[in-house]
Protein backbone atom coordinates (compact mmCIF):
# COMPACT_ATOMS: atom_id res chain seq x y z
CA UNK A 1 -0.06 -0.02 0.03
CA UNK A 2 1.45 3.30 -1.25
CA UNK A 3 1.71 6.47 1.01
CA UNK A 4 -1.37 8.15 -0.39
CA UNK A 5 -3.50 4.91 0.10
CA UNK A 6 -2.25 4.68 3.81
CA UNK A 7 -3.16 8.26 4.52
CA UNK A 8 -6.43 7.94 2.80
CA UNK A 9 -7.20 4.96 4.72
CA UNK A 10 -6.36 6.82 7.97
CA UNK A 11 -8.72 9.90 6.97
CA UNK A 12 -11.43 7.81 5.66
CA UNK A 13 -13.24 4.84 7.32
CA UNK A 14 -14.49 1.75 5.69
CA UNK A 15 -17.55 3.34 4.46
CA UNK A 16 -15.63 6.38 2.85
CA UNK A 17 -17.18 8.93 5.39
CA UNK A 18 -14.42 11.59 6.45
CA UNK A 19 -13.39 11.07 10.15
CA UNK A 20 -14.69 14.41 11.08
CA UNK A 21 -17.46 12.75 12.93
CA UNK A 22 -15.60 12.87 16.33
CA UNK A 23 -14.72 16.35 15.74
CA UNK A 24 -18.27 17.37 14.89
CA UNK A 25 -19.24 15.52 18.33
CA UNK A 26 -16.60 17.53 20.17
CA UNK A 27 -18.14 20.75 18.59
CA UNK A 28 -21.67 19.68 19.53
CA UNK A 29 -20.80 19.06 23.13
CA UNK A 30 -20.12 22.77 23.56
CA UNK A 31 -23.89 23.23 23.66
CA UNK A 32 -24.04 21.49 26.97
CA UNK A 33 -21.14 23.49 28.47
CA UNK A 34 -22.11 25.83 31.13
CA UNK A 35 -21.97 29.58 30.15
CA UNK A 36 -21.60 28.77 26.45
CA UNK A 37 -23.55 30.93 23.72
CA UNK A 38 -25.63 28.48 21.70
CA UNK A 39 -27.53 28.59 18.39
CA UNK A 40 -30.84 30.09 18.01
CA UNK A 41 -34.12 29.05 16.30
CA UNK A 42 -32.97 31.11 13.35
CA UNK A 43 -29.47 29.50 12.95
CA UNK A 44 -28.44 27.99 9.89
CA UNK A 45 -27.71 24.35 9.57
CA UNK A 46 -23.90 23.48 8.77
CA UNK A 47 -23.76 21.42 5.70
CA UNK A 48 -21.70 18.45 6.97
CA UNK A 49 -22.48 16.40 3.93
CA UNK A 50 -24.48 13.54 5.37
CA UNK A 51 -23.94 9.97 4.61
CA UNK A 52 -26.84 9.32 2.23
CA UNK A 53 -25.99 12.45 0.36
CA UNK A 54 -22.40 11.61 -0.03
CA UNK A 55 -23.21 8.28 -1.37
CA UNK A 56 -25.90 9.46 -3.58
CA UNK A 57 -23.79 12.15 -5.29
CA UNK A 58 -20.57 10.05 -5.38
CA UNK A 59 -18.53 12.71 -3.68
CA UNK A 60 -14.76 11.72 -3.58
CA UNK A 61 -12.75 14.61 -2.34
CA UNK A 62 -9.32 14.53 -4.44
CA UNK A 63 -6.27 13.84 -2.10
CA UNK A 64 -2.72 14.36 -3.23
CA UNK A 65 0.60 14.06 -1.49
CA UNK A 66 0.75 17.89 -1.47
CA UNK A 67 -2.66 18.35 0.23
CA UNK A 68 -2.78 15.45 2.68
CA UNK A 69 -0.30 16.91 5.18
CA UNK A 70 -2.50 20.00 5.42
CA UNK A 71 -5.70 17.89 5.77
CA UNK A 72 -4.14 15.86 8.79
CA UNK A 73 -2.77 19.11 10.37
CA UNK A 74 -6.10 20.71 9.95
CA UNK A 75 -7.95 17.81 11.72
CA UNK A 76 -5.39 17.97 14.49
CA UNK A 77 -6.07 21.63 14.92
CA UNK A 78 -9.79 21.37 14.85
CA UNK A 79 -9.58 18.95 17.93
CA UNK A 80 -7.09 21.23 19.69
CA UNK A 81 -9.39 24.08 19.33
CA UNK A 82 -11.94 22.37 21.50
CA UNK A 83 -9.90 20.26 23.86
CA UNK A 84 -7.60 23.50 24.73
CA UNK A 85 -10.71 25.01 26.26
CA UNK A 86 -9.84 23.03 29.30
CA UNK A 87 -6.73 25.24 29.68
CA UNK A 88 -8.83 28.47 30.36
CA UNK A 89 -8.73 29.84 34.00
CA UNK A 90 -11.69 29.52 36.14
CA UNK A 91 -11.30 33.21 36.99
CA UNK A 92 -9.86 34.98 33.93
CA UNK A 93 -9.30 38.62 33.48
CA UNK A 94 -11.86 40.30 31.14
CA UNK A 95 -10.43 43.66 30.35
CA UNK A 96 -7.27 44.41 28.25
CA UNK A 97 -4.97 47.41 28.57
CA UNK A 98 -4.11 49.71 25.76
CA UNK A 99 -0.57 48.64 25.34
CA UNK A 100 -1.69 44.99 25.85
CA UNK A 101 -3.98 45.39 23.15
CA UNK A 102 -1.31 46.74 20.73
CA UNK A 103 0.83 43.77 21.50
CA UNK A 104 -1.97 41.55 20.74
CA UNK A 105 -2.58 42.97 17.44
CA UNK A 106 1.10 42.92 16.61
CA UNK A 107 1.24 39.17 17.62
CA UNK A 108 -1.70 38.59 15.32
CA UNK A 109 -0.31 40.34 12.38
CA UNK A 110 3.05 38.33 12.79
CA UNK A 111 1.08 35.16 12.09
CA UNK A 112 0.45 36.33 8.52
CA UNK A 113 -3.13 37.53 9.22
CA UNK A 114 -4.27 39.95 6.70
CA UNK A 115 -7.22 41.30 8.42
CA UNK A 116 -8.66 41.58 11.82
CA UNK A 117 -12.12 42.66 13.01
CA UNK A 118 -13.91 42.78 16.29
CA UNK A 119 -17.56 42.22 17.07
CA UNK A 120 -20.19 40.23 19.32
CA UNK A 121 -21.49 36.99 17.98
CA UNK A 122 -25.22 37.11 16.99
CA UNK A 123 -26.86 33.86 18.24
CA UNK A 124 -28.37 33.49 14.74
CA UNK A 125 -24.99 33.34 13.02
CA UNK A 126 -23.95 30.31 15.15
CA UNK A 127 -24.76 27.03 13.24
CA UNK A 128 -27.53 24.79 14.43
CA UNK A 129 -26.37 22.47 17.25
CA UNK A 130 -23.31 24.43 17.77
CA UNK A 131 -22.06 26.84 20.39
CA UNK A 132 -19.25 29.30 21.29
CA UNK A 133 -17.64 29.63 24.76
CA UNK A 134 -17.57 33.46 24.52
CA UNK A 135 -19.55 36.22 22.98
CA UNK A 136 -16.81 38.37 21.77
CA UNK A 137 -15.14 37.54 18.57
CA UNK A 138 -11.80 38.47 17.01
CA UNK A 139 -12.31 37.63 13.34
CA UNK A 140 -9.33 36.86 11.36
CA UNK A 141 -8.79 36.73 7.60
CA UNK A 142 -5.86 35.15 5.78
CA UNK A 143 -5.12 35.86 2.03
CA UNK A 144 -4.80 33.18 -0.60
CA UNK A 145 -2.50 33.42 -3.51
CA UNK A 146 -4.51 35.21 -6.26
CA UNK A 147 -2.26 33.78 -9.09
CA UNK A 148 -2.84 30.08 -7.78
CA UNK A 149 -6.62 30.75 -7.12
CA UNK A 150 -6.80 31.97 -10.89
CA UNK A 151 -6.06 28.58 -12.06
CA UNK A 152 -9.01 27.00 -10.30
CA UNK A 153 -10.33 24.38 -10.46
CA UNK A 154 -6.76 22.73 -10.34
CA UNK A 155 -4.36 20.85 -8.13
CA UNK A 156 -2.44 24.13 -7.76
CA UNK A 157 -5.53 26.06 -6.39
CA UNK A 158 -6.46 22.97 -4.24
CA UNK A 159 -3.03 23.02 -2.56
CA UNK A 160 -3.23 26.80 -1.88
CA UNK A 161 -6.64 26.43 -0.37
CA UNK A 162 -5.66 23.59 2.01
CA UNK A 163 -2.45 25.48 2.81
CA UNK A 164 -4.39 28.35 3.96
CA UNK A 165 -6.95 26.47 5.79
CA UNK A 166 -4.17 24.82 7.64
CA UNK A 167 -2.06 28.09 8.45
CA UNK A 168 -5.22 29.98 9.62
CA UNK A 169 -6.22 26.88 11.80
CA UNK A 170 -2.74 26.88 13.40
CA UNK A 171 -2.77 30.85 13.84
CA UNK A 172 -6.11 30.73 15.63
CA UNK A 173 -4.90 28.18 18.09
CA UNK A 174 -1.74 30.32 18.66
CA UNK A 175 -3.75 33.30 19.33
CA UNK A 176 -6.09 31.53 21.74
CA UNK A 177 -2.95 30.21 23.67
CA UNK A 178 -1.45 33.77 23.66
CA UNK A 179 -4.55 35.18 25.28
CA UNK A 180 -4.83 32.44 27.99
CA UNK A 181 -1.01 33.01 28.89
CA UNK A 182 -1.99 36.56 29.40
CA UNK A 183 -4.86 35.56 31.73
CA UNK A 184 -7.75 35.92 29.44
CA UNK A 185 -10.15 33.14 28.33
CA UNK A 186 -10.30 32.10 24.71
CA UNK A 187 -11.85 29.69 22.17
CA UNK A 188 -10.22 29.18 18.98
CA UNK A 189 -12.27 28.08 15.95
CA UNK A 190 -11.04 26.50 12.73
CA UNK A 191 -11.65 27.91 9.34
CA UNK A 192 -12.69 24.62 7.97
CA UNK A 193 -16.41 24.30 8.62
CA UNK A 194 -16.44 26.52 11.62
CA UNK A 195 -18.91 27.01 14.40
CA UNK A 196 -20.18 30.33 13.16
CA UNK A 197 -21.18 31.58 9.69
CA UNK A 198 -17.86 33.44 8.99
CA UNK A 199 -18.60 35.81 6.12
CA UNK A 200 -21.62 37.22 8.10
CA UNK A 201 -19.62 37.39 11.15
CA UNK A 202 -16.81 39.13 9.32
CA UNK A 203 -19.41 41.63 7.70
CA UNK A 204 -20.81 42.63 11.15
CA UNK A 205 -17.08 43.12 12.22
CA UNK A 206 -16.72 45.65 9.23
CA UNK A 207 -14.11 43.72 7.33
CA UNK A 208 -16.00 43.58 4.07
CA UNK A 209 -19.46 42.62 2.49
CA UNK A 210 -21.22 39.32 1.87
CA UNK A 211 -21.56 38.45 -1.85
CA UNK A 212 -24.02 36.55 -3.76
CA UNK A 213 -21.50 33.54 -4.08
CA UNK A 214 -21.62 33.32 -0.10
CA UNK A 215 -18.14 34.81 0.39
CA UNK A 216 -16.91 37.84 1.99
CA UNK A 217 -15.45 40.49 -0.42
CA UNK A 218 -12.91 42.82 1.22
CA UNK A 219 -10.61 45.79 0.29
CA UNK A 220 -7.62 43.66 1.28
CA UNK A 221 -7.70 40.77 -1.34
CA UNK A 222 -11.12 40.86 -2.73
CA UNK A 223 -12.78 37.43 -2.22
CA UNK A 224 -9.46 35.57 -2.17
CA UNK A 225 -9.08 34.76 1.33
CA UNK A 226 -10.31 32.47 4.12
CA UNK A 227 -11.76 33.35 7.58
CA UNK A 228 -12.01 32.18 11.03
CA UNK A 229 -12.40 33.57 14.49
CA UNK A 230 -11.25 33.34 18.18
CA UNK A 231 -13.85 33.98 20.86
CA UNK A 232 -12.86 35.61 24.05
CA UNK A 233 -14.33 36.99 27.30
CA UNK A 234 -12.52 40.33 26.79
CA UNK A 235 -15.15 42.92 27.12
CA UNK A 236 -13.31 46.11 26.03
CA UNK A 237 -12.42 45.08 22.53
CA UNK A 238 -12.96 47.94 19.88
CA UNK A 239 -16.18 46.30 18.56
CA UNK A 240 -17.13 47.42 15.12
CA UNK A 241 -20.27 49.57 14.80
CA UNK A 242 -20.46 50.36 11.04
CA UNK A 243 -19.62 49.04 7.51
CA UNK A 244 -18.39 51.02 4.67
CA UNK A 245 -18.33 48.11 2.42
CA UNK A 246 -21.93 47.38 1.92
CA UNK A 247 -22.02 49.04 -1.40
CA UNK A 248 -20.73 45.67 -2.64
CA UNK A 249 -24.15 44.16 -2.31
CA UNK A 250 -25.55 46.66 -4.90
CA UNK A 251 -22.56 45.71 -7.18
CA UNK A 252 -23.31 42.00 -6.82
CA UNK A 253 -26.99 42.63 -7.92
CA UNK A 254 -25.82 44.14 -11.20
CA UNK A 255 -22.73 41.76 -11.73
CA UNK A 256 -23.99 38.02 -11.46
CA UNK A 257 -20.69 36.65 -13.17
CA UNK A 258 -20.32 33.89 -10.48
CA UNK A 259 -23.91 32.79 -11.23
CA UNK A 260 -23.21 32.56 -15.03
CA UNK A 261 -19.88 30.82 -14.38
CA UNK A 262 -20.96 28.30 -11.69
CA UNK A 263 -20.78 24.85 -13.39
CA UNK A 264 -23.52 22.99 -11.30
CA UNK A 265 -25.72 26.21 -11.35
CA UNK A 266 -25.68 26.38 -7.48
CA UNK A 267 -26.05 30.25 -7.33
CA UNK A 268 -29.27 31.62 -7.94
CA UNK A 269 -30.11 35.30 -9.28
CA UNK A 270 -33.15 35.29 -7.00
CA UNK A 271 -32.49 35.01 -3.34
CA UNK A 272 -33.59 31.88 -1.37
CA UNK A 273 -35.48 32.77 1.81
CA UNK A 274 -35.16 30.09 4.51
CA UNK A 275 -37.81 29.29 7.15
CA UNK A 276 -35.61 31.29 9.62
CA UNK A 277 -35.90 34.32 7.47
CA UNK A 278 -32.25 34.09 6.42
CA UNK A 279 -31.72 34.95 2.72
CA UNK A 280 -28.97 33.24 0.58
CA UNK A 281 -28.22 32.73 -3.07
CA UNK A 282 -26.50 29.38 -2.73
CA UNK A 283 -27.92 25.88 -3.19
CA UNK A 284 -25.34 23.71 -1.10
CA UNK A 285 -26.88 20.37 -2.63
CA UNK A 286 -25.84 21.41 -6.05
CA UNK A 287 -22.56 23.06 -5.00
CA UNK A 288 -20.99 20.50 -2.70
CA UNK A 289 -20.76 17.50 -5.11
CA UNK A 290 -18.95 19.60 -7.66
CA UNK A 291 -16.97 21.28 -5.05
CA UNK A 292 -15.94 17.88 -3.68
CA UNK A 293 -15.14 16.39 -6.97
CA UNK A 294 -13.40 19.13 -8.72
CA UNK A 295 -10.46 20.51 -6.55
CA UNK A 296 -12.54 22.55 -4.34
CA UNK A 297 -13.86 24.17 -7.52
CA UNK A 298 -13.44 28.19 -6.31
CA UNK A 299 -14.75 29.17 -9.86
CA UNK A 300 -17.02 31.82 -8.28
CA UNK A 301 -13.68 33.39 -6.72
CA UNK A 302 -11.75 33.04 -9.85
CA UNK A 303 -14.43 35.02 -11.93
CA UNK A 304 -15.10 37.57 -9.31
CA UNK A 305 -14.28 41.24 -10.62
CA UNK A 306 -12.67 41.68 -7.19
CA UNK A 307 -10.35 38.91 -7.86
CA UNK A 308 -8.99 40.42 -11.08
CA UNK A 309 -9.18 44.04 -10.31
CA UNK A 310 -8.27 46.08 -7.03
CA UNK A 311 -11.17 46.92 -4.83
CA UNK A 312 -10.76 50.66 -4.95
CA UNK A 313 -10.74 50.46 -8.73
CA UNK A 314 -14.01 48.60 -8.89
CA UNK A 315 -15.59 50.93 -6.40
CA UNK A 316 -14.57 54.00 -8.31
CA UNK A 317 -15.86 52.43 -11.51
CA UNK A 318 -19.20 51.40 -9.90
CA UNK A 319 -19.76 54.78 -8.35
CA UNK A 320 -19.32 56.39 -11.70
CA UNK A 321 -21.97 54.34 -13.29
């Protein structure tokens, strides 16, 4: 048995279902933890690709020698994010000084984090059956490589996606440990899957705007990034109170390039209104099989005008029109 086959056997059990089930159980256990902030009746359901759907659609996520180390590392860091909660102090500090905050931001940026935002977590943004340990969020963005993502769907793009998932997950755990060492309480969250709807949370943190393709569009690197968050008990974070990027929504209404380019037709021009009142343009049951079988697809990012042109140039052109 070759290296790829051995690692694939480790990641997948006999029925071909990813070994994320134990991680999902760990995440779900937070709902029962005293003091946790749990999902609400309006919360979205995280698309964990149920067994029946996986079999029916024949989803077989491609694994390569270059992506497998990042997949294994991501699984490790997803577990650590939950298990490390035991390291929080019983009586942690909840106020950060000005100089300490500057040191914190300096540390975060040293981990190749390209964007930082601060906000409280609305319960309706927490996925159903999930919970976060603390209501204050440090939202983190990490850029992907635009040149590599422009080749999507491809092995090159897939590798960069997994590299970013892995690096951002490692960074989140490092930031959580940093906060604990300073006497604060923290809860790291991994960018893969996630416990909270990251693009909406990042939009609330003022980092960008939520596009039709379900991704955050930012002035930093357009849509070419991944998101995660570290939840903390620090009460005096500079929480965001506005968002200057919401014009992007109007741009998306007129653009629709991602809709036309989506191979499985998973992005709708007319919004889907869910029973909870949440509005989206993405049909996950169409998106995920293609995503899983085609190197994580990413075509919606590749064709986005913000991927090909700087944010400020797109804005200037849109305002003229």
